[in-house]
């Protein structure tokens, strides 16, 4: 299996990746990267219209969610609590 190089943009001390590069690094689709950014699991910096995931945040996410199904984490984070669940 070939290892792909990751192009990282350095802004000060922060290393930034493109959404595509983050997806390739995780071997997933770009849509998942956008979902992770939308719910706050993956931190990013917005440059113009582009969102650039932070490499440090990607590494932290991999550490924090090790041995967990990220799809379950997404479902738990994005599903609103129903009124009946809140009162039970």
PDB file of N, CA and C in Angstrom:
ATOM      1  N   UNK A   1       0.836  -1.170   0.000  1.00  0.00           N
ATOM      2  CA  UNK A   1       0.000   0.000   0.000  1.00  0.00           C
ATOM      3  C   UNK A   1       0.888   1.243   0.000  1.00  0.00           C
ATOM      4  N   UNK A   2       0.591   2.176  -0.880  1.00  0.00           N
ATOM      5  CA  UNK A   2       1.379   3.396  -0.996  1.00  0.00           C
ATOM      6  C   UNK A   2       0.898   4.432   0.005  1.00  0.00           C
ATOM      7  N   UNK A   3       1.816   5.130   0.607  1.00  0.00           N
ATOM      8  CA  UNK A   3       1.493   6.195   1.546  1.00  0.00           C
ATOM      9  C   UNK A   3       1.468   7.498   0.776  1.00  0.00           C
ATOM     10  N   UNK A   4       0.368   8.261   0.943  1.00  0.00           N
ATOM     11  CA  UNK A   4       0.245   9.523   0.228  1.00  0.00           C
ATOM     12  C   UNK A   4       0.799  10.652   1.084  1.00  0.00           C
ATOM     13  N   UNK A   5       1.477  11.557   0.436  1.00  0.00           N
ATOM     14  CA  UNK A   5       2.008  12.722   1.137  1.00  0.00           C
ATOM     15  C   UNK A   5       0.868  13.682   1.451  1.00  0.00           C
ATOM     16  N   UNK A   6       0.955  14.340   2.559  1.00  0.00           N
ATOM     17  CA  UNK A   6      -0.050  15.307   2.966  1.00  0.00           C
ATOM     18  C   UNK A   6       0.562  16.698   2.863  1.00  0.00           C
ATOM     19  N   UNK A   7      -0.078  17.567   2.076  1.00  0.00           N
ATOM     20  CA  UNK A   7       0.377  18.943   1.952  1.00  0.00           C
ATOM     21  C   UNK A   7      -0.218  19.731   3.093  1.00  0.00           C
ATOM     22  N   UNK A   8       0.612  20.332   3.878  1.00  0.00           N
ATOM     23  CA  UNK A   8       0.149  21.058   5.053  1.00  0.00           C
ATOM     24  C   UNK A   8       0.530  22.519   4.922  1.00  0.00           C
ATOM     25  N   UNK A   9      -0.441  23.397   5.173  1.00  0.00           N
ATOM     26  CA  UNK A   9      -0.232  24.835   5.147  1.00  0.00           C
ATOM     27  C   UNK A   9       0.072  25.290   6.560  1.00  0.00           C
ATOM     28  N   UNK A  10       1.166  25.975   6.739  1.00  0.00           N
ATOM     29  CA  UNK A  10       1.533  26.480   8.064  1.00  0.00           C
ATOM     30  C   UNK A  10       1.093  27.929   8.207  1.00  0.00           C
ATOM     31  N   UNK A  11       0.285  28.185   9.236  1.00  0.00           N
ATOM     32  CA  UNK A  11      -0.133  29.536   9.582  1.00  0.00           C
ATOM     33  C   UNK A  11       0.338  29.765  11.009  1.00  0.00           C
ATOM     34  N   UNK A  12       1.392  30.517  11.170  1.00  0.00           N
ATOM     35  CA  UNK A  12       1.984  30.663  12.497  1.00  0.00           C
ATOM     36  C   UNK A  12       2.474  29.313  12.972  1.00  0.00           C
ATOM     37  N   UNK A  13       2.024  28.901  14.143  1.00  0.00           N
ATOM     38  CA  UNK A  13       2.392  27.591  14.679  1.00  0.00           C
ATOM     39  C   UNK A  13       1.398  26.510  14.295  1.00  0.00           C
ATOM     40  N   UNK A  14       0.294  26.877  13.638  1.00  0.00           N
ATOM     41  CA  UNK A  14      -0.763  25.916  13.315  1.00  0.00           C
ATOM     42  C   UNK A  14      -0.569  25.347  11.911  1.00  0.00           C
ATOM     43  N   UNK A  15      -0.669  24.026  11.811  1.00  0.00           N
ATOM     44  CA  UNK A  15      -0.577  23.355  10.518  1.00  0.00           C
ATOM     45  C   UNK A  15      -1.992  23.045  10.050  1.00  0.00           C
ATOM     46  N   UNK A  16      -2.301  23.440   8.812  1.00  0.00           N
ATOM     47  CA  UNK A  16      -3.641  23.272   8.260  1.00  0.00           C
ATOM     48  C   UNK A  16      -3.620  22.350   7.054  1.00  0.00           C
ATOM     49  N   UNK A  17      -4.725  21.604   6.869  1.00  0.00           N
ATOM     50  CA  UNK A  17      -4.859  20.688   5.743  1.00  0.00           C
ATOM     51  C   UNK A  17      -6.082  21.103   4.921  1.00  0.00           C
ATOM     52  N   UNK A  18      -6.161  20.645   3.691  1.00  0.00           N
ATOM     53  CA  UNK A  18      -7.399  20.821   2.938  1.00  0.00           C
ATOM     54  C   UNK A  18      -8.377  19.742   3.395  1.00  0.00           C
ATOM     55  N   UNK A  19      -9.652  19.940   3.105  1.00  0.00           N
ATOM     56  CA  UNK A  19     -10.666  18.942   3.449  1.00  0.00           C
ATOM     57  C   UNK A  19     -10.355  17.632   2.728  1.00  0.00           C
ATOM     58  N   UNK A  20      -9.954  17.716   1.481  1.00  0.00           N
ATOM     59  CA  UNK A  20      -9.616  16.517   0.710  1.00  0.00           C
ATOM     60  C   UNK A  20      -8.444  15.772   1.342  1.00  0.00           C
ATOM     61  N   UNK A  21      -7.423  16.499   1.769  1.00  0.00           N
ATOM     62  CA  UNK A  21      -6.263  15.858   2.395  1.00  0.00           C
ATOM     63  C   UNK A  21      -6.639  15.189   3.708  1.00  0.00           C
ATOM     64  N   UNK A  22      -7.498  15.840   4.494  1.00  0.00           N
ATOM     65  CA  UNK A  22      -7.957  15.233   5.746  1.00  0.00           C
ATOM     66  C   UNK A  22      -8.743  13.959   5.455  1.00  0.00           C
ATOM     67  N   UNK A  23      -9.582  13.984   4.426  1.00  0.00           N
ATOM     68  CA  UNK A  23     -10.364  12.808   4.043  1.00  0.00           C
ATOM     69  C   UNK A  23      -9.446  11.683   3.583  1.00  0.00           C
ATOM     70  N   UNK A  24      -8.438  12.005   2.806  1.00  0.00           N
ATOM     71  CA  UNK A  24      -7.486  10.987   2.341  1.00  0.00           C
ATOM     72  C   UNK A  24      -6.704  10.409   3.515  1.00  0.00           C
ATOM     73  N   UNK A  25      -6.349  11.260   4.454  1.00  0.00           N
ATOM     74  CA  UNK A  25      -5.597  10.815   5.627  1.00  0.00           C
ATOM     75  C   UNK A  25      -6.411   9.813   6.446  1.00  0.00           C
ATOM     76  N   UNK A  26      -7.719  10.068   6.560  1.00  0.00           N
ATOM     77  CA  UNK A  26      -8.600   9.180   7.320  1.00  0.00           C
ATOM     78  C   UNK A  26      -9.215   8.067   6.473  1.00  0.00           C
ATOM     79  N   UNK A  27      -8.954   8.126   5.160  1.00  0.00           N
ATOM     80  CA  UNK A  27      -9.530   7.161   4.220  1.00  0.00           C
ATOM     81  C   UNK A  27     -11.061   7.171   4.319  1.00  0.00           C
ATOM     82  N   UNK A  28     -11.621   8.373   4.200  1.00  0.00           N
ATOM     83  CA  UNK A  28     -13.070   8.558   4.243  1.00  0.00           C
ATOM     84  C   UNK A  28     -13.441   9.614   3.202  1.00  0.00           C
ATOM     85  N   UNK A  29     -14.711   9.938   3.130  1.00  0.00           N
ATOM     86  CA  UNK A  29     -15.169  10.951   2.192  1.00  0.00           C
ATOM     87  C   UNK A  29     -15.082  12.347   2.776  1.00  0.00           C
ATOM     88  N   UNK A  30     -15.101  13.332   1.889  1.00  0.00           N
ATOM     89  CA  UNK A  30     -15.060  14.730   2.335  1.00  0.00           C
ATOM     90  C   UNK A  30     -16.284  15.090   3.167  1.00  0.00           C
ATOM     91  N   UNK A  31     -17.427  14.462   2.852  1.00  0.00           N
ATOM     92  CA  UNK A  31     -18.666  14.745   3.577  1.00  0.00           C
ATOM     93  C   UNK A  31     -18.493  14.480   5.080  1.00  0.00           C
ATOM     94  N   UNK A  32     -17.812  13.390   5.424  1.00  0.00           N
ATOM     95  CA  UNK A  32     -17.572  13.068   6.829  1.00  0.00           C
ATOM     96  C   UNK A  32     -16.710  14.141   7.491  1.00  0.00           C
ATOM     97  N   UNK A  33     -15.716  14.647   6.781  1.00  0.00           N
ATOM     98  CA  UNK A  33     -14.857  15.706   7.323  1.00  0.00           C
ATOM     99  C   UNK A  33     -15.695  16.957   7.613  1.00  0.00           C
ATOM    100  N   UNK A  34     -16.588  17.315   6.674  1.00  0.00           N
ATOM    101  CA  UNK A  34     -17.456  18.467   6.896  1.00  0.00           C
ATOM    102  C   UNK A  34     -18.377  18.239   8.095  1.00  0.00           C
ATOM    103  N   UNK A  35     -18.897  17.030   8.254  1.00  0.00           N
ATOM    104  CA  UNK A  35     -19.743  16.726   9.407  1.00  0.00           C
ATOM    105  C   UNK A  35     -18.960  16.875  10.709  1.00  0.00           C
ATOM    106  N   UNK A  36     -17.742  16.359  10.729  1.00  0.00           N
ATOM    107  CA  UNK A  36     -16.907  16.462  11.925  1.00  0.00           C
ATOM    108  C   UNK A  36     -16.618  17.920  12.273  1.00  0.00           C
ATOM    109  N   UNK A  37     -16.417  18.760  11.248  1.00  0.00           N
ATOM    110  CA  UNK A  37     -16.181  20.184  11.495  1.00  0.00           C
ATOM    111  C   UNK A  37     -17.466  20.864  11.960  1.00  0.00           C
ATOM    112  N   UNK A  38     -18.600  20.496  11.357  1.00  0.00           N
ATOM    113  CA  UNK A  38     -19.879  21.131  11.689  1.00  0.00           C
ATOM    114  C   UNK A  38     -20.274  20.913  13.147  1.00  0.00           C
ATOM    115  N   UNK A  39     -19.977  19.732  13.699  1.00  0.00           N
ATOM    116  CA  UNK A  39     -20.380  19.465  15.079  1.00  0.00           C
ATOM    117  C   UNK A  39     -19.278  19.786  16.088  1.00  0.00           C
ATOM    118  N   UNK A  40     -18.139  20.269  15.595  1.00  0.00           N
ATOM    119  CA  UNK A  40     -17.103  20.752  16.491  1.00  0.00           C
ATOM    120  C   UNK A  40     -16.072  19.719  16.928  1.00  0.00           C
ATOM    121  N   UNK A  41     -16.133  18.512  16.391  1.00  0.00           N
ATOM    122  CA  UNK A  41     -15.138  17.495  16.749  1.00  0.00           C
ATOM    123  C   UNK A  41     -13.803  17.811  16.088  1.00  0.00           C
ATOM    124  N   UNK A  42     -13.854  18.308  14.866  1.00  0.00           N
ATOM    125  CA  UNK A  42     -12.647  18.635  14.116  1.00  0.00           C
ATOM    126  C   UNK A  42     -12.578  20.154  13.964  1.00  0.00           C
ATOM    127  N   UNK A  43     -11.595  20.765  14.594  1.00  0.00           N
ATOM    128  CA  UNK A  43     -11.420  22.222  14.545  1.00  0.00           C
ATOM    129  C   UNK A  43     -10.820  22.622  13.210  1.00  0.00           C
ATOM    130  N   UNK A  44     -11.148  23.827  12.770  1.00  0.00           N
ATOM    131  CA  UNK A  44     -10.671  24.310  11.478  1.00  0.00           C
ATOM    132  C   UNK A  44     -10.491  25.818  11.511  1.00  0.00           C
ATOM    133  N   UNK A  45      -9.828  26.317  10.493  1.00  0.00           N
ATOM    134  CA  UNK A  45      -9.670  27.748  10.290  1.00  0.00           C
ATOM    135  C   UNK A  45     -10.289  28.072   8.943  1.00  0.00           C
ATOM    136  N   UNK A  46     -11.086  29.105   8.885  1.00  0.00           N
ATOM    137  CA  UNK A  46     -11.719  29.493   7.623  1.00  0.00           C
ATOM    138  C   UNK A  46     -10.849  30.533   6.933  1.00  0.00           C
ATOM    139  N   UNK A  47     -10.493  30.239   5.700  1.00  0.00           N
ATOM    140  CA  UNK A  47      -9.695  31.151   4.884  1.00  0.00           C
ATOM    141  C   UNK A  47     -10.516  31.444   3.635  1.00  0.00           C
ATOM    142  N   UNK A  48     -11.069  32.646   3.565  1.00  0.00           N
ATOM    143  CA  UNK A  48     -11.986  32.957   2.470  1.00  0.00           C
ATOM    144  C   UNK A  48     -13.219  32.072   2.588  1.00  0.00           C
ATOM    145  N   UNK A  49     -13.514  31.307   1.550  1.00  0.00           N
ATOM    146  CA  UNK A  49     -14.644  30.389   1.577  1.00  0.00           C
ATOM    147  C   UNK A  49     -14.244  28.988   2.016  1.00  0.00           C
ATOM    148  N   UNK A  50     -12.960  28.741   2.114  1.00  0.00           N
ATOM    149  CA  UNK A  50     -12.467  27.400   2.444  1.00  0.00           C
ATOM    150  C   UNK A  50     -12.352  27.191   3.943  1.00  0.00           C
ATOM    151  N   UNK A  51     -12.652  25.970   4.374  1.00  0.00           N
ATOM    152  CA  UNK A  51     -12.384  25.557   5.753  1.00  0.00           C
ATOM    153  C   UNK A  51     -11.161  24.648   5.704  1.00  0.00           C
ATOM    154  N   UNK A  52     -10.167  24.966   6.515  1.00  0.00           N
ATOM    155  CA  UNK A  52      -8.940  24.178   6.576  1.00  0.00           C
ATOM    156  C   UNK A  52      -8.865  23.485   7.926  1.00  0.00           C
ATOM    157  N   UNK A  53      -9.052  22.149   7.949  1.00  0.00           N
ATOM    158  CA  UNK A  53      -8.944  21.423   9.218  1.00  0.00           C
ATOM    159  C   UNK A  53      -7.546  21.575   9.818  1.00  0.00           C
ATOM    160  N   UNK A  54      -7.514  21.696  11.136  1.00  0.00           N
ATOM    161  CA  UNK A  54      -6.239  21.803  11.832  1.00  0.00           C
ATOM    162  C   UNK A  54      -5.661  20.402  12.003  1.00  0.00           C
ATOM    163  N   UNK A  55      -4.413  20.239  11.630  1.00  0.00           N
ATOM    164  CA  UNK A  55      -3.737  18.949  11.750  1.00  0.00           C
ATOM    165  C   UNK A  55      -3.700  18.493  13.208  1.00  0.00           C
ATOM    166  N   UNK A  56      -3.470  19.432  14.126  1.00  0.00           N
ATOM    167  CA  UNK A  56      -3.425  19.087  15.554  1.00  0.00           C
ATOM    168  C   UNK A  56      -4.786  18.584  16.030  1.00  0.00           C
ATOM    169  N   UNK A  57      -5.856  19.156  15.498  1.00  0.00           N
ATOM    170  CA  UNK A  57      -7.202  18.725  15.870  1.00  0.00           C
ATOM    171  C   UNK A  57      -7.499  17.334  15.314  1.00  0.00           C
ATOM    172  N   UNK A  58      -7.007  17.060  14.114  1.00  0.00           N
ATOM    173  CA  UNK A  58      -7.178  15.732  13.524  1.00  0.00           C
ATOM    174  C   UNK A  58      -6.467  14.686  14.381  1.00  0.00           C
ATOM    175  N   UNK A  59      -5.260  14.977  14.799  1.00  0.00           N
ATOM    176  CA  UNK A  59      -4.510  14.051  15.657  1.00  0.00           C
ATOM    177  C   UNK A  59      -5.202  13.865  17.002  1.00  0.00           C
ATOM    178  N   UNK A  60      -5.714  14.961  17.573  1.00  0.00           N
ATOM    179  CA  UNK A  60      -6.420  14.890  18.855  1.00  0.00           C
ATOM    180  C   UNK A  60      -7.688  14.055  18.713  1.00  0.00           C
ATOM    181  N   UNK A  61      -8.424  14.256  17.624  1.00  0.00           N
ATOM    182  CA  UNK A  61      -9.641  13.493  17.386  1.00  0.00           C
ATOM    183  C   UNK A  61      -9.336  12.001  17.288  1.00  0.00           C
ATOM    184  N   UNK A  62      -8.278  11.646  16.580  1.00  0.00           N
ATOM    185  CA  UNK A  62      -7.901  10.243  16.445  1.00  0.00           C
ATOM    186  C   UNK A  62      -7.559   9.641  17.803  1.00  0.00           C
ATOM    187  N   UNK A  63      -6.924  10.429  18.661  1.00  0.00           N
ATOM    188  CA  UNK A  63      -6.589   9.955  20.005  1.00  0.00           C
ATOM    189  C   UNK A  63      -7.837   9.851  20.879  1.00  0.00           C
ATOM    190  N   UNK A  64      -8.678  10.898  20.861  1.00  0.00           N
ATOM    191  CA  UNK A  64      -9.860  10.945  21.721  1.00  0.00           C
ATOM    192  C   UNK A  64     -10.896   9.877  21.377  1.00  0.00           C
ATOM    193  N   UNK A  65     -11.032   9.565  20.097  1.00  0.00           N
ATOM    194  CA  UNK A  65     -12.064   8.633  19.660  1.00  0.00           C
ATOM    195  C   UNK A  65     -11.494   7.287  19.223  1.00  0.00           C
ATOM    196  N   UNK A  66     -10.313   6.972  19.712  1.00  0.00           N
ATOM    197  CA  UNK A  66      -9.683   5.689  19.401  1.00  0.00           C
ATOM    198  C   UNK A  66     -10.595   4.550  19.855  1.00  0.00           C
ATOM    199  N   UNK A  67     -10.739   3.536  19.024  1.00  0.00           N
ATOM    200  CA  UNK A  67     -11.556   2.349  19.292  1.00  0.00           C
ATOM    201  C   UNK A  67     -13.050   2.655  19.397  1.00  0.00           C
ATOM    202  N   UNK A  68     -13.498   3.772  18.843  1.00  0.00           N
ATOM    203  CA  UNK A  68     -14.922   4.101  18.810  1.00  0.00           C
ATOM    204  C   UNK A  68     -15.377   4.214  17.368  1.00  0.00           C
ATOM    205  N   UNK A  69     -16.639   3.906  17.128  1.00  0.00           N
ATOM    206  CA  UNK A  69     -17.219   4.066  15.802  1.00  0.00           C
ATOM    207  C   UNK A  69     -17.593   5.538  15.639  1.00  0.00           C
ATOM    208  N   UNK A  70     -16.908   6.227  14.757  1.00  0.00           N
ATOM    209  CA  UNK A  70     -17.126   7.667  14.595  1.00  0.00           C
ATOM    210  C   UNK A  70     -18.535   7.953  14.099  1.00  0.00           C
ATOM    211  N   UNK A  71     -19.152   7.019  13.362  1.00  0.00           N
ATOM    212  CA  UNK A  71     -20.514   7.220  12.897  1.00  0.00           C
ATOM    213  C   UNK A  71     -21.486   7.254  14.080  1.00  0.00           C
ATOM    214  N   UNK A  72     -21.245   6.448  15.099  1.00  0.00           N
ATOM    215  CA  UNK A  72     -22.076   6.497  16.304  1.00  0.00           C
ATOM    216  C   UNK A  72     -21.879   7.816  17.033  1.00  0.00           C
ATOM    217  N   UNK A  73     -20.652   8.291  17.069  1.00  0.00           N
ATOM    218  CA  UNK A  73     -20.360   9.573  17.708  1.00  0.00           C
ATOM    219  C   UNK A  73     -21.107  10.685  16.967  1.00  0.00           C
ATOM    220  N   UNK A  74     -21.113  10.630  15.630  1.00  0.00           N
ATOM    221  CA  UNK A  74     -21.825  11.634  14.840  1.00  0.00           C
ATOM    222  C   UNK A  74     -23.317  11.580  15.110  1.00  0.00           C
ATOM    223  N   UNK A  75     -23.887  10.395  15.187  1.00  0.00           N
ATOM    224  CA  UNK A  75     -25.325  10.257  15.443  1.00  0.00           C
ATOM    225  C   UNK A  75     -25.685  10.791  16.820  1.00  0.00           C
ATOM    226  N   UNK A  76     -24.860  10.519  17.811  1.00  0.00           N
ATOM    227  CA  UNK A  76     -25.126  11.007  19.162  1.00  0.00           C
ATOM    228  C   UNK A  76     -24.996  12.521  19.241  1.00  0.00           C
ATOM    229  N   UNK A  77     -24.046  13.083  18.511  1.00  0.00           N
ATOM    230  CA  UNK A  77     -23.807  14.522  18.567  1.00  0.00           C
ATOM    231  C   UNK A  77     -24.848  15.312  17.794  1.00  0.00           C
ATOM    232  N   UNK A  78     -25.375  14.739  16.707  1.00  0.00           N
ATOM    233  CA  UNK A  78     -26.256  15.516  15.843  1.00  0.00           C
ATOM    234  C   UNK A  78     -27.730  15.271  16.103  1.00  0.00           C
ATOM    235  N   UNK A  79     -28.095  14.230  16.855  1.00  0.00           N
ATOM    236  CA  UNK A  79     -29.514  13.975  17.080  1.00  0.00           C
ATOM    237  C   UNK A  79     -30.011  14.812  18.255  1.00  0.00           C
ATOM    238  N   UNK A  80     -31.030  15.642  17.993  1.00  0.00           N
ATOM    239  CA  UNK A  80     -31.552  16.481  19.069  1.00  0.00           C
ATOM    240  C   UNK A  80     -32.304  15.638  20.094  1.00  0.00           C
ATOM    241  N   UNK A  81     -32.253  16.081  21.327  1.00  0.00           N
ATOM    242  CA  UNK A  81     -32.950  15.363  22.391  1.00  0.00           C
ATOM    243  C   UNK A  81     -34.447  15.652  22.263  1.00  0.00           C
ATOM    244  N   UNK A  82     -35.261  14.615  22.285  1.00  0.00           N
ATOM    245  CA  UNK A  82     -36.703  14.814  22.176  1.00  0.00           C
ATOM    246  C   UNK A  82     -37.262  15.243  23.526  1.00  0.00           C
ATOM    247  N   UNK A  83     -38.446  15.802  23.498  1.00  0.00           N
ATOM    248  CA  UNK A  83     -39.070  16.296  24.728  1.00  0.00           C
ATOM    249  C   UNK A  83     -39.342  15.146  25.689  1.00  0.00           C
ATOM    250  N   UNK A  84     -39.759  13.982  25.166  1.00  0.00           N
ATOM    251  CA  UNK A  84     -40.046  12.851  26.044  1.00  0.00           C
ATOM    252  C   UNK A  84     -38.763  12.313  26.686  1.00  0.00           C
ATOM    253  N   UNK A  85     -37.670  12.344  25.939  1.00  0.00           N
ATOM    254  CA  UNK A  85     -36.398  11.882  26.479  1.00  0.00           C
ATOM    255  C   UNK A  85     -35.891  12.839  27.557  1.00  0.00           C
ATOM    256  N   UNK A  86     -36.196  14.114  27.394  1.00  0.00           N
ATOM    257  CA  UNK A  86     -35.728  15.105  28.367  1.00  0.00           C
ATOM    258  C   UNK A  86     -36.473  15.001  29.692  1.00  0.00           C
ATOM    259  N   UNK A  87     -37.709  14.526  29.650  1.00  0.00           N
ATOM    260  CA  UNK A  87     -38.506  14.440  30.880  1.00  0.00           C
ATOM    261  C   UNK A  87     -38.385  13.093  31.551  1.00  0.00           C
ATOM    262  N   UNK A  88     -37.882  12.085  30.870  1.00  0.00           N
ATOM    263  CA  UNK A  88     -37.755  10.746  31.453  1.00  0.00           C
ATOM    264  C   UNK A  88     -36.574  10.620  32.367  1.00  0.00           C
TER     265      UNK A  88
END
